[in-house]
Amino acid sequence: MKQVLRAVLVCLVVGAAVLVVWVVASRPDSPEPPRPLPDTAVMVHGRPTTCSELFG
């Protein structure tokens, strides 16, 4: 019984270590800069409005 518990504990520890390594390795190195908004005019409430007017 002790051998089974030890085997389960070892599997859990190894699985947790693999998960941590996978999460750290899959993170991007640097965050991507925000994409610029296209400054096209669209009709909002009957008047032309650009993205920069809406979002600043």
Protein backbone atom coordinates (compact mmCIF):
# COMPACT_ATOMS: atom_id res chain seq x y z
CA MET A 1 0.00 0.00 0.00
CA LYS A 2 2.85 2.36 0.83
CA GLN A 3 4.44 1.67 -2.56
CA VAL A 4 1.22 2.61 -4.36
CA LEU A 5 0.91 5.88 -2.43
CA ARG A 6 4.56 6.65 -3.09
CA ALA A 7 4.10 5.97 -6.82
CA VAL A 8 1.02 8.22 -6.96
CA LEU A 9 2.87 10.98 -5.11
CA VAL A 10 5.85 10.72 -7.48
CA CYS A 11 3.52 10.90 -10.49
CA LEU A 12 1.81 13.98 -9.09
CA VAL A 13 5.11 15.73 -8.41
CA VAL A 14 6.51 14.91 -11.84
CA GLY A 15 3.25 15.99 -13.51
CA ALA A 16 3.25 19.29 -11.62
CA ALA A 17 6.88 19.93 -12.59
CA VAL A 18 6.12 19.22 -16.26
CA LEU A 19 3.12 21.55 -16.11
CA VAL A 20 5.17 24.38 -14.59
CA VAL A 21 7.91 23.98 -17.21
CA TRP A 22 5.34 23.93 -20.02
CA VAL A 23 3.59 27.09 -18.76
CA VAL A 24 6.87 28.97 -18.35
CA ALA A 25 8.14 27.86 -21.76
CA SER A 26 4.93 28.78 -23.59
CA ARG A 27 4.85 32.38 -22.32
CA PRO A 28 5.81 34.99 -24.91
CA ASP A 29 9.19 36.61 -24.28
CA SER A 30 7.89 40.16 -24.54
CA PRO A 31 4.35 41.47 -24.70
CA GLU A 32 3.20 42.56 -28.11
CA PRO A 33 2.70 46.30 -28.56
CA PRO A 34 -0.91 47.33 -29.10
CA ARG A 35 -1.98 47.46 -32.72
CA PRO A 36 -2.80 50.93 -34.04
CA LEU A 37 -6.46 51.54 -34.76
CA PRO A 38 -7.30 52.35 -38.36
CA ASP A 39 -8.59 55.90 -38.57
CA THR A 40 -11.49 55.20 -40.93
CA ALA A 41 -14.74 57.10 -40.70
CA VAL A 42 -17.99 55.26 -40.00
CA MET A 43 -21.51 56.52 -39.51
CA VAL A 44 -22.59 56.68 -35.83
CA HIS A 45 -25.98 58.25 -35.11
CA GLY A 46 -26.04 59.83 -38.55
CA ARG A 47 -22.64 61.55 -38.46
CA PRO A 48 -19.19 60.35 -39.53
CA THR A 49 -17.00 59.30 -36.61
CA THR A 50 -13.44 57.97 -36.56
CA CYS A 51 -11.93 55.38 -34.28
CA SER A 52 -9.66 57.98 -32.66
CA GLU A 53 -12.71 60.05 -31.71
CA LEU A 54 -14.33 57.01 -30.09
CA PHE A 55 -11.31 55.53 -28.31
CA GLY A 56 -8.94 58.47 -27.91
